[in-house]
């Protein structure tokens, strides 16, 4: 299922400066992850962005999880 979700994410230099988005949309993956990190519920995100589907949100979460597996962020250096 995660592989299917990740196929919804696209990185295209011609769309939104090459930042990851959901296929067919211009909303950054990082924006939705940020809202979720701030405590928004998936229902609140879907209400704010009615053009998205629940699987679009799940794909963004899967993408974030995938990045953690392949990258390391030194959170001690973040102020």
PDB file of N, CA and C in Angstrom:
ATOM      1  N   UNK A   1       0.816  -1.202   0.000  1.00  0.00           N
ATOM      2  CA  UNK A   1       0.000   0.000   0.000  1.00  0.00           C
ATOM      3  C   UNK A   1       0.853   1.256   0.000  1.00  0.00           C
ATOM      4  N   UNK A   2       1.966   1.243   0.760  1.00  0.00           N
ATOM      5  CA  UNK A   2       2.828   2.422   0.807  1.00  0.00           C
ATOM      6  C   UNK A   2       3.370   2.763  -0.567  1.00  0.00           C
ATOM      7  N   UNK A   3       3.752   1.750  -1.344  1.00  0.00           N
ATOM      8  CA  UNK A   3       4.262   1.997  -2.691  1.00  0.00           C
ATOM      9  C   UNK A   3       3.209   2.685  -3.545  1.00  0.00           C
ATOM     10  N   UNK A   4       1.967   2.240  -3.432  1.00  0.00           N
ATOM     11  CA  UNK A   4       0.876   2.881  -4.182  1.00  0.00           C
ATOM     12  C   UNK A   4       0.703   4.328  -3.754  1.00  0.00           C
ATOM     13  N   UNK A   5       0.782   4.573  -2.462  1.00  0.00           N
ATOM     14  CA  UNK A   5       0.644   5.942  -1.969  1.00  0.00           C
ATOM     15  C   UNK A   5       1.787   6.815  -2.472  1.00  0.00           C
ATOM     16  N   UNK A   6       3.010   6.307  -2.443  1.00  0.00           N
ATOM     17  CA  UNK A   6       4.155   7.101  -2.879  1.00  0.00           C
ATOM     18  C   UNK A   6       4.087   7.442  -4.361  1.00  0.00           C
ATOM     19  N   UNK A   7       3.387   6.634  -5.139  1.00  0.00           N
ATOM     20  CA  UNK A   7       3.233   6.934  -6.564  1.00  0.00           C
ATOM     21  C   UNK A   7       2.364   8.167  -6.797  1.00  0.00           C
ATOM     22  N   UNK A   8       1.659   8.612  -5.770  1.00  0.00           N
ATOM     23  CA  UNK A   8       0.845   9.824  -5.871  1.00  0.00           C
ATOM     24  C   UNK A   8       1.699  11.091  -5.762  1.00  0.00           C
ATOM     25  N   UNK A   9       2.934  10.955  -5.249  1.00  0.00           N
ATOM     26  CA  UNK A   9       3.828  12.095  -5.054  1.00  0.00           C
ATOM     27  C   UNK A   9       4.648  12.321  -6.319  1.00  0.00           C
ATOM     28  N   UNK A  10       4.729  13.568  -6.749  1.00  0.00           N
ATOM     29  CA  UNK A  10       5.545  13.910  -7.912  1.00  0.00           C
ATOM     30  C   UNK A  10       6.483  15.061  -7.568  1.00  0.00           C
ATOM     31  N   UNK A  11       7.635  15.036  -8.216  1.00  0.00           N
ATOM     32  CA  UNK A  11       8.588  16.134  -8.127  1.00  0.00           C
ATOM     33  C   UNK A  11       8.879  16.558  -9.557  1.00  0.00           C
ATOM     34  N   UNK A  12       8.427  17.743  -9.903  1.00  0.00           N
ATOM     35  CA  UNK A  12       8.570  18.254 -11.260  1.00  0.00           C
ATOM     36  C   UNK A  12       9.129  19.665 -11.169  1.00  0.00           C
ATOM     37  N   UNK A  13      10.314  19.912 -11.731  1.00  0.00           N
ATOM     38  CA  UNK A  13      10.912  21.240 -11.647  1.00  0.00           C
ATOM     39  C   UNK A  13      10.014  22.350 -12.197  1.00  0.00           C
ATOM     40  N   UNK A  14       9.077  21.989 -13.040  1.00  0.00           N
ATOM     41  CA  UNK A  14       8.182  22.985 -13.626  1.00  0.00           C
ATOM     42  C   UNK A  14       6.969  23.283 -12.740  1.00  0.00           C
ATOM     43  N   UNK A  15       6.808  22.530 -11.663  1.00  0.00           N
ATOM     44  CA  UNK A  15       5.649  22.712 -10.783  1.00  0.00           C
ATOM     45  C   UNK A  15       6.141  23.048  -9.384  1.00  0.00           C
ATOM     46  N   UNK A  16       5.733  24.194  -8.885  1.00  0.00           N
ATOM     47  CA  UNK A  16       6.007  24.614  -7.499  1.00  0.00           C
ATOM     48  C   UNK A  16       7.485  24.501  -7.128  1.00  0.00           C
ATOM     49  N   UNK A  17       8.350  24.966  -8.054  1.00  0.00           N
ATOM     50  CA  UNK A  17       9.788  25.032  -7.809  1.00  0.00           C
ATOM     51  C   UNK A  17      10.423  23.661  -7.583  1.00  0.00           C
ATOM     52  N   UNK A  18       9.773  22.606  -8.042  1.00  0.00           N
ATOM     53  CA  UNK A  18      10.319  21.261  -7.906  1.00  0.00           C
ATOM     54  C   UNK A  18      10.110  20.627  -6.547  1.00  0.00           C
ATOM     55  N   UNK A  19       9.321  21.281  -5.693  1.00  0.00           N
ATOM     56  CA  UNK A  19       9.034  20.672  -4.386  1.00  0.00           C
ATOM     57  C   UNK A  19       8.007  19.560  -4.572  1.00  0.00           C
ATOM     58  N   UNK A  20       8.060  18.522  -3.744  1.00  0.00           N
ATOM     59  CA  UNK A  20       7.119  17.405  -3.871  1.00  0.00           C
ATOM     60  C   UNK A  20       5.664  17.860  -3.683  1.00  0.00           C
ATOM     61  N   UNK A  21       4.816  17.402  -4.582  1.00  0.00           N
ATOM     62  CA  UNK A  21       3.374  17.667  -4.532  1.00  0.00           C
ATOM     63  C   UNK A  21       2.632  16.370  -4.828  1.00  0.00           C
ATOM     64  N   UNK A  22       1.330  16.414  -4.659  1.00  0.00           N
ATOM     65  CA  UNK A  22       0.490  15.291  -5.074  1.00  0.00           C
ATOM     66  C   UNK A  22       0.183  15.456  -6.554  1.00  0.00           C
ATOM     67  N   UNK A  23       0.262  14.362  -7.286  1.00  0.00           N
ATOM     68  CA  UNK A  23      -0.011  14.372  -8.716  1.00  0.00           C
ATOM     69  C   UNK A  23      -1.344  15.078  -8.996  1.00  0.00           C
ATOM     70  N   UNK A  24      -1.293  16.078  -9.867  1.00  0.00           N
ATOM     71  CA  UNK A  24      -2.509  16.795 -10.247  1.00  0.00           C
ATOM     72  C   UNK A  24      -2.853  17.967  -9.344  1.00  0.00           C
ATOM     73  N   UNK A  25      -2.044  18.198  -8.308  1.00  0.00           N
ATOM     74  CA  UNK A  25      -2.288  19.303  -7.372  1.00  0.00           C
ATOM     75  C   UNK A  25      -1.014  20.119  -7.217  1.00  0.00           C
ATOM     76  N   UNK A  26      -1.152  21.325  -6.719  1.00  0.00           N
ATOM     77  CA  UNK A  26       0.002  22.200  -6.542  1.00  0.00           C
ATOM     78  C   UNK A  26       0.280  22.486  -5.063  1.00  0.00           C
ATOM     79  N   UNK A  27      -0.270  21.677  -4.194  1.00  0.00           N
ATOM     80  CA  UNK A  27      -0.092  21.873  -2.750  1.00  0.00           C
ATOM     81  C   UNK A  27       1.123  21.060  -2.311  1.00  0.00           C
ATOM     82  N   UNK A  28       2.085  21.742  -1.702  1.00  0.00           N
ATOM     83  CA  UNK A  28       3.307  21.074  -1.273  1.00  0.00           C
ATOM     84  C   UNK A  28       3.025  19.994  -0.238  1.00  0.00           C
ATOM     85  N   UNK A  29       3.761  18.921  -0.329  1.00  0.00           N
ATOM     86  CA  UNK A  29       3.716  17.867   0.681  1.00  0.00           C
ATOM     87  C   UNK A  29       4.076  18.466   2.043  1.00  0.00           C
ATOM     88  N   UNK A  30       5.104  19.306   2.069  1.00  0.00           N
ATOM     89  CA  UNK A  30       5.563  19.887   3.332  1.00  0.00           C
ATOM     90  C   UNK A  30       4.495  20.754   3.991  1.00  0.00           C
ATOM     91  N   UNK A  31       3.663  21.408   3.199  1.00  0.00           N
ATOM     92  CA  UNK A  31       2.602  22.238   3.777  1.00  0.00           C
ATOM     93  C   UNK A  31       1.618  21.390   4.573  1.00  0.00           C
ATOM     94  N   UNK A  32       1.163  20.303   3.977  1.00  0.00           N
ATOM     95  CA  UNK A  32       0.185  19.452   4.657  1.00  0.00           C
ATOM     96  C   UNK A  32       0.824  18.771   5.863  1.00  0.00           C
ATOM     97  N   UNK A  33       2.073  18.320   5.735  1.00  0.00           N
ATOM     98  CA  UNK A  33       2.754  17.723   6.892  1.00  0.00           C
ATOM     99  C   UNK A  33       2.886  18.746   8.008  1.00  0.00           C
ATOM    100  N   UNK A  34       3.139  19.983   7.656  1.00  0.00           N
ATOM    101  CA  UNK A  34       3.230  21.046   8.658  1.00  0.00           C
ATOM    102  C   UNK A  34       1.916  21.263   9.377  1.00  0.00           C
ATOM    103  N   UNK A  35       0.818  21.278   8.635  1.00  0.00           N
ATOM    104  CA  UNK A  35      -0.496  21.428   9.270  1.00  0.00           C
ATOM    105  C   UNK A  35      -0.773  20.274  10.230  1.00  0.00           C
ATOM    106  N   UNK A  36      -0.455  19.067   9.793  1.00  0.00           N
ATOM    107  CA  UNK A  36      -0.672  17.902  10.654  1.00  0.00           C
ATOM    108  C   UNK A  36       0.208  17.993  11.903  1.00  0.00           C
ATOM    109  N   UNK A  37       1.440  18.461  11.743  1.00  0.00           N
ATOM    110  CA  UNK A  37       2.341  18.604  12.888  1.00  0.00           C
ATOM    111  C   UNK A  37       1.831  19.659  13.869  1.00  0.00           C
ATOM    112  N   UNK A  38       1.122  20.662  13.352  1.00  0.00           N
ATOM    113  CA  UNK A  38       0.558  21.704  14.213  1.00  0.00           C
ATOM    114  C   UNK A  38      -0.695  21.240  14.951  1.00  0.00           C
ATOM    115  N   UNK A  39      -1.169  20.038  14.616  1.00  0.00           N
ATOM    116  CA  UNK A  39      -2.322  19.496  15.322  1.00  0.00           C
ATOM    117  C   UNK A  39      -3.605  19.457  14.513  1.00  0.00           C
ATOM    118  N   UNK A  40      -3.528  19.873  13.245  1.00  0.00           N
ATOM    119  CA  UNK A  40      -4.723  19.766  12.415  1.00  0.00           C
ATOM    120  C   UNK A  40      -5.108  18.302  12.276  1.00  0.00           C
ATOM    121  N   UNK A  41      -6.386  18.032  12.236  1.00  0.00           N
ATOM    122  CA  UNK A  41      -6.861  16.681  11.955  1.00  0.00           C
ATOM    123  C   UNK A  41      -6.928  16.495  10.444  1.00  0.00           C
ATOM    124  N   UNK A  42      -7.000  15.235  10.017  1.00  0.00           N
ATOM    125  CA  UNK A  42      -7.156  14.995   8.582  1.00  0.00           C
ATOM    126  C   UNK A  42      -8.468  15.600   8.088  1.00  0.00           C
ATOM    127  N   UNK A  43      -9.505  15.573   8.919  1.00  0.00           N
ATOM    128  CA  UNK A  43     -10.785  16.179   8.520  1.00  0.00           C
ATOM    129  C   UNK A  43     -10.627  17.681   8.306  1.00  0.00           C
ATOM    130  N   UNK A  44      -9.849  18.338   9.159  1.00  0.00           N
ATOM    131  CA  UNK A  44      -9.624  19.783   9.011  1.00  0.00           C
ATOM    132  C   UNK A  44      -8.854  20.083   7.729  1.00  0.00           C
ATOM    133  N   UNK A  45      -7.866  19.251   7.418  1.00  0.00           N
ATOM    134  CA  UNK A  45      -7.101  19.432   6.183  1.00  0.00           C
ATOM    135  C   UNK A  45      -8.012  19.251   4.982  1.00  0.00           C
ATOM    136  N   UNK A  46      -8.837  18.210   5.007  1.00  0.00           N
ATOM    137  CA  UNK A  46      -9.751  17.958   3.889  1.00  0.00           C
ATOM    138  C   UNK A  46     -10.791  19.067   3.747  1.00  0.00           C
ATOM    139  N   UNK A  47     -11.184  19.657   4.845  1.00  0.00           N
ATOM    140  CA  UNK A  47     -12.129  20.773   4.787  1.00  0.00           C
ATOM    141  C   UNK A  47     -11.458  22.008   4.173  1.00  0.00           C
ATOM    142  N   UNK A  48     -10.218  22.253   4.542  1.00  0.00           N
ATOM    143  CA  UNK A  48      -9.472  23.406   4.025  1.00  0.00           C
ATOM    144  C   UNK A  48      -9.083  23.218   2.561  1.00  0.00           C
ATOM    145  N   UNK A  49      -8.801  21.965   2.176  1.00  0.00           N
ATOM    146  CA  UNK A  49      -8.383  21.634   0.813  1.00  0.00           C
ATOM    147  C   UNK A  49      -9.324  20.566   0.249  1.00  0.00           C
ATOM    148  N   UNK A  50     -10.551  20.948  -0.116  1.00  0.00           N
ATOM    149  CA  UNK A  50     -11.543  19.955  -0.553  1.00  0.00           C
ATOM    150  C   UNK A  50     -11.172  19.205  -1.828  1.00  0.00           C
ATOM    151  N   UNK A  51     -10.173  19.699  -2.548  1.00  0.00           N
ATOM    152  CA  UNK A  51      -9.748  19.010  -3.766  1.00  0.00           C
ATOM    153  C   UNK A  51      -8.897  17.782  -3.463  1.00  0.00           C
ATOM    154  N   UNK A  52      -8.486  17.617  -2.208  1.00  0.00           N
ATOM    155  CA  UNK A  52      -7.681  16.466  -1.818  1.00  0.00           C
ATOM    156  C   UNK A  52      -8.565  15.315  -1.354  1.00  0.00           C
ATOM    157  N   UNK A  53      -8.018  14.117  -1.456  1.00  0.00           N
ATOM    158  CA  UNK A  53      -8.668  12.904  -0.941  1.00  0.00           C
ATOM    159  C   UNK A  53      -7.870  12.411   0.264  1.00  0.00           C
ATOM    160  N   UNK A  54      -8.474  11.582   1.059  1.00  0.00           N
ATOM    161  CA  UNK A  54      -7.795  11.043   2.236  1.00  0.00           C
ATOM    162  C   UNK A  54      -6.496  10.335   1.838  1.00  0.00           C
ATOM    163  N   UNK A  55      -6.486   9.651   0.700  1.00  0.00           N
ATOM    164  CA  UNK A  55      -5.265   8.980   0.259  1.00  0.00           C
ATOM    165  C   UNK A  55      -4.170   9.977  -0.109  1.00  0.00           C
ATOM    166  N   UNK A  56      -4.534  11.195  -0.493  1.00  0.00           N
ATOM    167  CA  UNK A  56      -3.531  12.235  -0.750  1.00  0.00           C
ATOM    168  C   UNK A  56      -2.814  12.602   0.545  1.00  0.00           C
ATOM    169  N   UNK A  57      -3.552  12.689   1.623  1.00  0.00           N
ATOM    170  CA  UNK A  57      -2.950  12.990   2.922  1.00  0.00           C
ATOM    171  C   UNK A  57      -2.103  11.810   3.390  1.00  0.00           C
ATOM    172  N   UNK A  58      -2.623  10.608   3.227  1.00  0.00           N
ATOM    173  CA  UNK A  58      -1.860   9.415   3.603  1.00  0.00           C
ATOM    174  C   UNK A  58      -0.574   9.309   2.789  1.00  0.00           C
ATOM    175  N   UNK A  59      -0.631   9.703   1.517  1.00  0.00           N
ATOM    176  CA  UNK A  59       0.562   9.672   0.671  1.00  0.00           C
ATOM    177  C   UNK A  59       1.621  10.640   1.189  1.00  0.00           C
ATOM    178  N   UNK A  60       1.193  11.798   1.658  1.00  0.00           N
ATOM    179  CA  UNK A  60       2.142  12.767   2.210  1.00  0.00           C
ATOM    180  C   UNK A  60       2.809  12.225   3.479  1.00  0.00           C
ATOM    181  N   UNK A  61       2.038  11.567   4.315  1.00  0.00           N
ATOM    182  CA  UNK A  61       2.596  10.970   5.532  1.00  0.00           C
ATOM    183  C   UNK A  61       3.572   9.849   5.155  1.00  0.00           C
ATOM    184  N   UNK A  62       3.198   9.041   4.180  1.00  0.00           N
ATOM    185  CA  UNK A  62       4.076   7.962   3.717  1.00  0.00           C
ATOM    186  C   UNK A  62       5.370   8.535   3.147  1.00  0.00           C
ATOM    187  N   UNK A  63       5.276   9.644   2.444  1.00  0.00           N
ATOM    188  CA  UNK A  63       6.457  10.286   1.876  1.00  0.00           C
ATOM    189  C   UNK A  63       7.387  10.762   2.992  1.00  0.00           C
ATOM    190  N   UNK A  64       6.819  11.383   4.018  1.00  0.00           N
ATOM    191  CA  UNK A  64       7.615  11.815   5.161  1.00  0.00           C
ATOM    192  C   UNK A  64       8.297  10.642   5.837  1.00  0.00           C
ATOM    193  N   UNK A  65       7.580   9.545   6.007  1.00  0.00           N
ATOM    194  CA  UNK A  65       8.152   8.345   6.618  1.00  0.00           C
ATOM    195  C   UNK A  65       9.276   7.786   5.754  1.00  0.00           C
ATOM    196  N   UNK A  66       9.082   7.811   4.452  1.00  0.00           N
ATOM    197  CA  UNK A  66      10.107   7.327   3.527  1.00  0.00           C
ATOM    198  C   UNK A  66      11.376   8.174   3.642  1.00  0.00           C
ATOM    199  N   UNK A  67      11.233   9.485   3.740  1.00  0.00           N
ATOM    200  CA  UNK A  67      12.400  10.354   3.855  1.00  0.00           C
ATOM    201  C   UNK A  67      13.183  10.079   5.130  1.00  0.00           C
ATOM    202  N   UNK A  68      12.487   9.773   6.204  1.00  0.00           N
ATOM    203  CA  UNK A  68      13.169   9.471   7.454  1.00  0.00           C
ATOM    204  C   UNK A  68      14.024   8.217   7.298  1.00  0.00           C
ATOM    205  N   UNK A  69      13.571   7.287   6.493  1.00  0.00           N
ATOM    206  CA  UNK A  69      14.340   6.060   6.276  1.00  0.00           C
ATOM    207  C   UNK A  69      15.613   6.301   5.470  1.00  0.00           C
ATOM    208  N   UNK A  70      15.640   7.347   4.642  1.00  0.00           N
ATOM    209  CA  UNK A  70      16.778   7.547   3.752  1.00  0.00           C
ATOM    210  C   UNK A  70      17.621   8.768   4.090  1.00  0.00           C
ATOM    211  N   UNK A  71      17.157   9.589   5.047  1.00  0.00           N
ATOM    212  CA  UNK A  71      17.905  10.791   5.395  1.00  0.00           C
ATOM    213  C   UNK A  71      17.988  10.928   6.903  1.00  0.00           C
ATOM    214  N   UNK A  72      18.974  11.704   7.329  1.00  0.00           N
ATOM    215  CA  UNK A  72      19.153  11.972   8.743  1.00  0.00           C
ATOM    216  C   UNK A  72      19.129  13.479   8.948  1.00  0.00           C
ATOM    217  N   UNK A  73      18.325  13.916   9.872  1.00  0.00           N
ATOM    218  CA  UNK A  73      18.272  15.337  10.219  1.00  0.00           C
ATOM    219  C   UNK A  73      18.793  15.497  11.629  1.00  0.00           C
ATOM    220  N   UNK A  74      19.759  16.366  11.821  1.00  0.00           N
ATOM    221  CA  UNK A  74      20.323  16.630  13.132  1.00  0.00           C
ATOM    222  C   UNK A  74      19.429  17.647  13.839  1.00  0.00           C
ATOM    223  N   UNK A  75      18.457  17.160  14.613  1.00  0.00           N
ATOM    224  CA  UNK A  75      17.495  18.041  15.255  1.00  0.00           C
ATOM    225  C   UNK A  75      18.108  18.864  16.374  1.00  0.00           C
ATOM    226  N   UNK A  76      19.262  18.445  16.898  1.00  0.00           N
ATOM    227  CA  UNK A  76      19.932  19.228  17.924  1.00  0.00           C
ATOM    228  C   UNK A  76      20.402  20.577  17.400  1.00  0.00           C
ATOM    229  N   UNK A  77      20.628  20.657  16.092  1.00  0.00           N
ATOM    230  CA  UNK A  77      21.115  21.912  15.511  1.00  0.00           C
ATOM    231  C   UNK A  77      19.981  22.868  15.159  1.00  0.00           C
ATOM    232  N   UNK A  78      18.736  22.424  15.273  1.00  0.00           N
ATOM    233  CA  UNK A  78      17.590  23.263  14.968  1.00  0.00           C
ATOM    234  C   UNK A  78      17.222  24.042  16.220  1.00  0.00           C
ATOM    235  N   UNK A  79      17.177  25.333  16.076  1.00  0.00           N
ATOM    236  CA  UNK A  79      16.854  26.170  17.247  1.00  0.00           C
ATOM    237  C   UNK A  79      15.384  26.336  17.429  1.00  0.00           C
TER     238      UNK A  79
END
